[in-house]
Amino acid sequence: ADYASQELVGVPYKLLAGLYKAEPLSGTQCAHLVWYAYKQFGIDLDSDGGLFVTPYDIQNSPYLEIVQSYGY
């Protein structure tokens, strides 16, 4: 949380951010923002390893426990 609040606040929104998970970070979208913060510590939340990380990928990550889910 400290990393995200110090490094990711103010990063502009980009719908296609994270396509191919390319660096450097020039924009982000909801799932990409969460994935990017965890990835900085060696945790890849992208459960299917696809080209684009989605909320569904994060929901199905073996690193997280589902407590409650809406809309899937």
PDB file of N, CA and C in Angstrom:
ATOM      1  N   ALA A   1       0.830  -1.183   0.000  1.00  0.00           N
ATOM      2  CA  ALA A   1       0.000   0.000   0.000  1.00  0.00           C
ATOM      3  C   ALA A   1       0.879   1.253   0.000  1.00  0.00           C
ATOM      4  N   ASP A   2       1.964   1.220   0.759  1.00  0.00           N
ATOM      5  CA  ASP A   2       2.857   2.387   0.785  1.00  0.00           C
ATOM      6  C   ASP A   2       3.449   2.645  -0.600  1.00  0.00           C
ATOM      7  N   TYR A   3       3.886   1.567  -1.275  1.00  0.00           N
ATOM      8  CA  TYR A   3       4.447   1.719  -2.622  1.00  0.00           C
ATOM      9  C   TYR A   3       3.412   2.360  -3.545  1.00  0.00           C
ATOM     10  N   ALA A   4       2.192   1.832  -3.535  1.00  0.00           N
ATOM     11  CA  ALA A   4       1.151   2.339  -4.425  1.00  0.00           C
ATOM     12  C   ALA A   4       0.832   3.803  -4.134  1.00  0.00           C
ATOM     13  N   SER A   5       0.722   4.157  -2.864  1.00  0.00           N
ATOM     14  CA  SER A   5       0.381   5.541  -2.545  1.00  0.00           C
ATOM     15  C   SER A   5       1.513   6.507  -2.874  1.00  0.00           C
ATOM     16  N   GLN A   6       2.739   6.049  -2.845  1.00  0.00           N
ATOM     17  CA  GLN A   6       3.875   6.918  -3.147  1.00  0.00           C
ATOM     18  C   GLN A   6       4.214   6.968  -4.639  1.00  0.00           C
ATOM     19  N   GLU A   7       4.019   5.862  -5.327  1.00  0.00           N
ATOM     20  CA  GLU A   7       4.483   5.767  -6.717  1.00  0.00           C
ATOM     21  C   GLU A   7       3.377   5.766  -7.780  1.00  0.00           C
ATOM     22  N   LEU A   8       2.154   5.427  -7.412  1.00  0.00           N
ATOM     23  CA  LEU A   8       1.123   5.237  -8.430  1.00  0.00           C
ATOM     24  C   LEU A   8      -0.010   6.254  -8.384  1.00  0.00           C
ATOM     25  N   VAL A   9      -0.052   7.085  -7.371  1.00  0.00           N
ATOM     26  CA  VAL A   9      -1.068   8.131  -7.303  1.00  0.00           C
ATOM     27  C   VAL A   9      -0.773   9.155  -8.392  1.00  0.00           C
ATOM     28  N   GLY A  10      -1.786   9.484  -9.167  1.00  0.00           N
ATOM     29  CA  GLY A  10      -1.630  10.484 -10.213  1.00  0.00           C
ATOM     30  C   GLY A  10      -1.235   9.931 -11.575  1.00  0.00           C
ATOM     31  N   VAL A  11      -1.018   8.615 -11.679  1.00  0.00           N
ATOM     32  CA  VAL A  11      -0.719   8.023 -12.988  1.00  0.00           C
ATOM     33  C   VAL A  11      -1.985   8.154 -13.837  1.00  0.00           C
ATOM     34  N   PRO A  12      -1.887   8.682 -15.054  1.00  0.00           N
ATOM     35  CA  PRO A  12      -3.087   8.902 -15.866  1.00  0.00           C
ATOM     36  C   PRO A  12      -3.791   7.606 -16.266  1.00  0.00           C
ATOM     37  N   TYR A  13      -5.117   7.717 -16.443  1.00  0.00           N
ATOM     38  CA  TYR A  13      -5.929   6.579 -16.871  1.00  0.00           C
ATOM     39  C   TYR A  13      -5.719   6.330 -18.360  1.00  0.00           C
ATOM     40  N   LYS A  14      -5.510   5.070 -18.707  1.00  0.00           N
ATOM     41  CA  LYS A  14      -5.418   4.641 -20.105  1.00  0.00           C
ATOM     42  C   LYS A  14      -6.137   3.312 -20.215  1.00  0.00           C
ATOM     43  N   LEU A  15      -7.177   3.269 -21.024  1.00  0.00           N
ATOM     44  CA  LEU A  15      -7.978   2.053 -21.155  1.00  0.00           C
ATOM     45  C   LEU A  15      -7.141   0.847 -21.539  1.00  0.00           C
ATOM     46  N   LEU A  16      -6.205   1.032 -22.441  1.00  0.00           N
ATOM     47  CA  LEU A  16      -5.407  -0.103 -22.913  1.00  0.00           C
ATOM     48  C   LEU A  16      -4.065  -0.233 -22.196  1.00  0.00           C
ATOM     49  N   ALA A  17      -3.944   0.393 -21.047  1.00  0.00           N
ATOM     50  CA  ALA A  17      -2.702   0.278 -20.267  1.00  0.00           C
ATOM     51  C   ALA A  17      -2.457  -1.172 -19.920  1.00  0.00           C
ATOM     52  N   GLY A  18      -1.226  -1.553 -19.965  1.00  0.00           N
ATOM     53  CA  GLY A  18      -0.861  -2.910 -19.607  1.00  0.00           C
ATOM     54  C   GLY A  18      -0.921  -3.893 -20.748  1.00  0.00           C
ATOM     55  N   LEU A  19      -1.322  -3.436 -21.926  1.00  0.00           N
ATOM     56  CA  LEU A  19      -1.319  -4.332 -23.066  1.00  0.00           C
ATOM     57  C   LEU A  19       0.104  -4.814 -23.257  1.00  0.00           C
ATOM     58  N   TYR A  20       0.292  -6.082 -23.189  1.00  0.00           N
ATOM     59  CA  TYR A  20       1.607  -6.724 -23.216  1.00  0.00           C
ATOM     60  C   TYR A  20       2.418  -6.407 -21.957  1.00  0.00           C
ATOM     61  N   LYS A  21       1.778  -5.741 -20.983  1.00  0.00           N
ATOM     62  CA  LYS A  21       2.403  -5.407 -19.704  1.00  0.00           C
ATOM     63  C   LYS A  21       3.740  -4.699 -19.904  1.00  0.00           C
ATOM     64  N   ALA A  22       3.775  -3.817 -20.865  1.00  0.00           N
ATOM     65  CA  ALA A  22       5.012  -3.117 -21.226  1.00  0.00           C
ATOM     66  C   ALA A  22       5.414  -2.081 -20.188  1.00  0.00           C
ATOM     67  N   GLU A  23       6.674  -1.840 -20.091  1.00  0.00           N
ATOM     68  CA  GLU A  23       7.250  -0.777 -19.263  1.00  0.00           C
ATOM     69  C   GLU A  23       7.685   0.330 -20.220  1.00  0.00           C
ATOM     70  N   PRO A  24       7.894   1.521 -19.846  1.00  0.00           N
ATOM     71  CA  PRO A  24       7.640   2.085 -18.523  1.00  0.00           C
ATOM     72  C   PRO A  24       6.159   2.392 -18.340  1.00  0.00           C
ATOM     73  N   LEU A  25       5.758   2.624 -17.114  1.00  0.00           N
ATOM     74  CA  LEU A  25       4.371   2.911 -16.782  1.00  0.00           C
ATOM     75  C   LEU A  25       4.026   4.335 -17.217  1.00  0.00           C
ATOM     76  N   SER A  26       3.175   4.448 -18.221  1.00  0.00           N
ATOM     77  CA  SER A  26       2.781   5.771 -18.702  1.00  0.00           C
ATOM     78  C   SER A  26       1.296   6.023 -18.479  1.00  0.00           C
ATOM     79  N   GLY A  27       0.588   5.000 -18.059  1.00  0.00           N
ATOM     80  CA  GLY A  27      -0.835   5.091 -17.782  1.00  0.00           C
ATOM     81  C   GLY A  27      -1.290   3.766 -17.209  1.00  0.00           C
ATOM     82  N   THR A  28      -2.489   3.752 -16.673  1.00  0.00           N
ATOM     83  CA  THR A  28      -2.987   2.527 -16.057  1.00  0.00           C
ATOM     84  C   THR A  28      -4.500   2.470 -16.104  1.00  0.00           C
ATOM     85  N   GLN A  29      -5.054   1.314 -15.857  1.00  0.00           N
ATOM     86  CA  GLN A  29      -6.494   1.107 -15.702  1.00  0.00           C
ATOM     87  C   GLN A  29      -6.679   0.265 -14.443  1.00  0.00           C
ATOM     88  N   CYS A  30      -7.899   0.042 -14.012  1.00  0.00           N
ATOM     89  CA  CYS A  30      -8.161  -0.516 -12.682  1.00  0.00           C
ATOM     90  C   CYS A  30      -7.397  -1.805 -12.375  1.00  0.00           C
ATOM     91  N   ALA A  31      -7.521  -2.825 -13.205  1.00  0.00           N
ATOM     92  CA  ALA A  31      -6.856  -4.097 -12.927  1.00  0.00           C
ATOM     93  C   ALA A  31      -5.344  -3.969 -13.083  1.00  0.00           C
ATOM     94  N   HIS A  32      -4.922  -3.214 -14.063  1.00  0.00           N
ATOM     95  CA  HIS A  32      -3.493  -3.036 -14.295  1.00  0.00           C
ATOM     96  C   HIS A  32      -2.827  -2.356 -13.102  1.00  0.00           C
ATOM     97  N   LEU A  33      -3.500  -1.385 -12.502  1.00  0.00           N
ATOM     98  CA  LEU A  33      -2.953  -0.668 -11.351  1.00  0.00           C
ATOM     99  C   LEU A  33      -2.671  -1.630 -10.193  1.00  0.00           C
ATOM    100  N   VAL A  34      -3.626  -2.489  -9.895  1.00  0.00           N
ATOM    101  CA  VAL A  34      -3.452  -3.471  -8.814  1.00  0.00           C
ATOM    102  C   VAL A  34      -2.347  -4.454  -9.186  1.00  0.00           C
ATOM    103  N   TRP A  35      -2.407  -4.982 -10.399  1.00  0.00           N
ATOM    104  CA  TRP A  35      -1.389  -5.939 -10.856  1.00  0.00           C
ATOM    105  C   TRP A  35       0.002  -5.319 -10.776  1.00  0.00           C
ATOM    106  N   TYR A  36       0.150  -4.084 -11.243  1.00  0.00           N
ATOM    107  CA  TYR A  36       1.446  -3.419 -11.286  1.00  0.00           C
ATOM    108  C   TYR A  36       2.026  -3.248  -9.883  1.00  0.00           C
ATOM    109  N   ALA A  37       1.197  -2.844  -8.937  1.00  0.00           N
ATOM    110  CA  ALA A  37       1.679  -2.647  -7.566  1.00  0.00           C
ATOM    111  C   ALA A  37       2.202  -3.958  -6.984  1.00  0.00           C
ATOM    112  N   TYR A  38       1.483  -5.040  -7.156  1.00  0.00           N
ATOM    113  CA  TYR A  38       1.935  -6.337  -6.637  1.00  0.00           C
ATOM    114  C   TYR A  38       3.165  -6.837  -7.382  1.00  0.00           C
ATOM    115  N   LYS A  39       3.217  -6.612  -8.689  1.00  0.00           N
ATOM    116  CA  LYS A  39       4.327  -7.103  -9.514  1.00  0.00           C
ATOM    117  C   LYS A  39       5.666  -6.507  -9.068  1.00  0.00           C
ATOM    118  N   GLN A  40       5.642  -5.304  -8.522  1.00  0.00           N
ATOM    119  CA  GLN A  40       6.878  -4.675  -8.058  1.00  0.00           C
ATOM    120  C   GLN A  40       7.520  -5.462  -6.919  1.00  0.00           C
ATOM    121  N   PHE A  41       6.750  -6.350  -6.304  1.00  0.00           N
ATOM    122  CA  PHE A  41       7.254  -7.179  -5.206  1.00  0.00           C
ATOM    123  C   PHE A  41       7.311  -8.652  -5.592  1.00  0.00           C
ATOM    124  N   GLY A  42       7.289  -8.920  -6.911  1.00  0.00           N
ATOM    125  CA  GLY A  42       7.459 -10.272  -7.408  1.00  0.00           C
ATOM    126  C   GLY A  42       6.209 -11.135  -7.396  1.00  0.00           C
ATOM    127  N   ILE A  43       5.051 -10.541  -7.208  1.00  0.00           N
ATOM    128  CA  ILE A  43       3.799 -11.294  -7.184  1.00  0.00           C
ATOM    129  C   ILE A  43       3.011 -10.956  -8.435  1.00  0.00           C
ATOM    130  N   ASP A  44       2.815 -11.942  -9.299  1.00  0.00           N
ATOM    131  CA  ASP A  44       2.080 -11.747 -10.553  1.00  0.00           C
ATOM    132  C   ASP A  44       0.643 -12.231 -10.359  1.00  0.00           C
ATOM    133  N   LEU A  45      -0.293 -11.302 -10.247  1.00  0.00           N
ATOM    134  CA  LEU A  45      -1.696 -11.634 -10.012  1.00  0.00           C
ATOM    135  C   LEU A  45      -2.447 -12.025 -11.278  1.00  0.00           C
ATOM    136  N   ASP A  46      -1.806 -11.996 -12.427  1.00  0.00           N
ATOM    137  CA  ASP A  46      -2.462 -12.346 -13.689  1.00  0.00           C
ATOM    138  C   ASP A  46      -2.588 -13.867 -13.775  1.00  0.00           C
ATOM    139  N   SER A  47      -3.762 -14.382 -13.437  1.00  0.00           N
ATOM    140  CA  SER A  47      -3.951 -15.828 -13.316  1.00  0.00           C
ATOM    141  C   SER A  47      -3.829 -16.589 -14.622  1.00  0.00           C
ATOM    142  N   ASP A  48      -4.087 -15.947 -15.764  1.00  0.00           N
ATOM    143  CA  ASP A  48      -3.989 -16.695 -17.019  1.00  0.00           C
ATOM    144  C   ASP A  48      -2.754 -16.323 -17.842  1.00  0.00           C
ATOM    145  N   GLY A  49      -1.959 -15.376 -17.358  1.00  0.00           N
ATOM    146  CA  GLY A  49      -0.728 -15.015 -18.055  1.00  0.00           C
ATOM    147  C   GLY A  49      -0.945 -14.426 -19.433  1.00  0.00           C
ATOM    148  N   GLY A  50      -2.149 -13.904 -19.692  1.00  0.00           N
ATOM    149  CA  GLY A  50      -2.467 -13.349 -21.002  1.00  0.00           C
ATOM    150  C   GLY A  50      -1.773 -12.024 -21.270  1.00  0.00           C
ATOM    151  N   LEU A  51      -2.119 -11.433 -22.396  1.00  0.00           N
ATOM    152  CA  LEU A  51      -1.501 -10.178 -22.807  1.00  0.00           C
ATOM    153  C   LEU A  51      -2.035  -8.984 -22.037  1.00  0.00           C
ATOM    154  N   PHE A  52      -3.185  -9.137 -21.415  1.00  0.00           N
ATOM    155  CA  PHE A  52      -3.864  -8.030 -20.764  1.00  0.00           C
ATOM    156  C   PHE A  52      -4.411  -8.523 -19.433  1.00  0.00           C
ATOM    157  N   VAL A  53      -4.170  -7.821 -18.351  1.00  0.00           N
ATOM    158  CA  VAL A  53      -4.683  -8.243 -17.047  1.00  0.00           C
ATOM    159  C   VAL A  53      -6.054  -7.632 -16.822  1.00  0.00           C
ATOM    160  N   THR A  54      -6.988  -8.444 -16.334  1.00  0.00           N
ATOM    161  CA  THR A  54      -8.368  -8.020 -16.109  1.00  0.00           C
ATOM    162  C   THR A  54      -8.758  -8.281 -14.652  1.00  0.00           C
ATOM    163  N   PRO A  55      -9.868  -7.685 -14.185  1.00  0.00           N
ATOM    164  CA  PRO A  55     -10.330  -7.994 -12.830  1.00  0.00           C
ATOM    165  C   PRO A  55     -10.566  -9.496 -12.634  1.00  0.00           C
ATOM    166  N   TYR A  56     -11.055 -10.167 -13.674  1.00  0.00           N
ATOM    167  CA  TYR A  56     -11.280 -11.618 -13.599  1.00  0.00           C
ATOM    168  C   TYR A  56      -9.968 -12.361 -13.364  1.00  0.00           C
ATOM    169  N   ASP A  57      -8.892 -11.946 -14.022  1.00  0.00           N
ATOM    170  CA  ASP A  57      -7.574 -12.568 -13.820  1.00  0.00           C
ATOM    171  C   ASP A  57      -7.138 -12.435 -12.367  1.00  0.00           C
ATOM    172  N   ILE A  58      -7.334 -11.252 -11.805  1.00  0.00           N
ATOM    173  CA  ILE A  58      -6.932 -11.018 -10.418  1.00  0.00           C
ATOM    174  C   ILE A  58      -7.804 -11.828  -9.470  1.00  0.00           C
ATOM    175  N   GLN A  59      -9.095 -11.882  -9.742  1.00  0.00           N
ATOM    176  CA  GLN A  59     -10.014 -12.667  -8.910  1.00  0.00           C
ATOM    177  C   GLN A  59      -9.591 -14.123  -8.842  1.00  0.00           C
ATOM    178  N   ASN A  60      -9.061 -14.644  -9.922  1.00  0.00           N
ATOM    179  CA  ASN A  60      -8.683 -16.055  -9.983  1.00  0.00           C
ATOM    180  C   ASN A  60      -7.224 -16.319  -9.640  1.00  0.00           C
ATOM    181  N   SER A  61      -6.518 -15.326  -9.184  1.00  0.00           N
ATOM    182  CA  SER A  61      -5.116 -15.487  -8.824  1.00  0.00           C
ATOM    183  C   SER A  61      -4.971 -16.423  -7.625  1.00  0.00           C
ATOM    184  N   PRO A  62      -4.013 -17.349  -7.692  1.00  0.00           N
ATOM    185  CA  PRO A  62      -3.788 -18.241  -6.549  1.00  0.00           C
ATOM    186  C   PRO A  62      -3.192 -17.508  -5.339  1.00  0.00           C
ATOM    187  N   TYR A  63      -2.774 -16.272  -5.519  1.00  0.00           N
ATOM    188  CA  TYR A  63      -2.189 -15.504  -4.419  1.00  0.00           C
ATOM    189  C   TYR A  63      -3.237 -14.818  -3.546  1.00  0.00           C
ATOM    190  N   LEU A  64      -4.479 -14.793  -3.998  1.00  0.00           N
ATOM    191  CA  LEU A  64      -5.530 -14.086  -3.280  1.00  0.00           C
ATOM    192  C   LEU A  64      -6.666 -15.033  -2.907  1.00  0.00           C
ATOM    193  N   GLU A  65      -7.374 -14.683  -1.862  1.00  0.00           N
ATOM    194  CA  GLU A  65      -8.542 -15.442  -1.424  1.00  0.00           C
ATOM    195  C   GLU A  65      -9.780 -14.611  -1.706  1.00  0.00           C
ATOM    196  N   ILE A  66     -10.764 -15.200  -2.368  1.00  0.00           N
ATOM    197  CA  ILE A  66     -12.006 -14.489  -2.661  1.00  0.00           C
ATOM    198  C   ILE A  66     -12.835 -14.434  -1.387  1.00  0.00           C
ATOM    199  N   VAL A  67     -13.178 -13.222  -0.988  1.00  0.00           N
ATOM    200  CA  VAL A  67     -14.051 -13.028   0.159  1.00  0.00           C
ATOM    201  C   VAL A  67     -15.475 -12.757  -0.340  1.00  0.00           C
ATOM    202  N   GLN A  68     -15.573 -11.931  -1.377  1.00  0.00           N
ATOM    203  CA  GLN A  68     -16.855 -11.633  -1.980  1.00  0.00           C
ATOM    204  C   GLN A  68     -16.593 -11.125  -3.390  1.00  0.00           C
ATOM    205  N   SER A  69     -17.483 -11.464  -4.326  1.00  0.00           N
ATOM    206  CA  SER A  69     -17.316 -11.037  -5.710  1.00  0.00           C
ATOM    207  C   SER A  69     -18.647 -10.587  -6.266  1.00  0.00           C
ATOM    208  N   TYR A  70     -18.611  -9.506  -7.043  1.00  0.00           N
ATOM    209  CA  TYR A  70     -19.817  -8.975  -7.686  1.00  0.00           C
ATOM    210  C   TYR A  70     -19.621  -8.987  -9.199  1.00  0.00           C
ATOM    211  N   GLY A  71     -20.661  -9.363  -9.926  1.00  0.00           N
ATOM    212  CA  GLY A  71     -20.683  -9.190 -11.357  1.00  0.00           C
ATOM    213  C   GLY A  71     -19.998 -10.251 -12.194  1.00  0.00           C
ATOM    214  N   TYR A  72     -19.572 -11.352 -11.613  1.00  0.00           N
ATOM    215  CA  TYR A  72     -18.923 -12.395 -12.427  1.00  0.00           C
ATOM    216  C   TYR A  72     -19.764 -13.633 -12.408  1.00  0.00           C
TER     217      TYR A  72
END
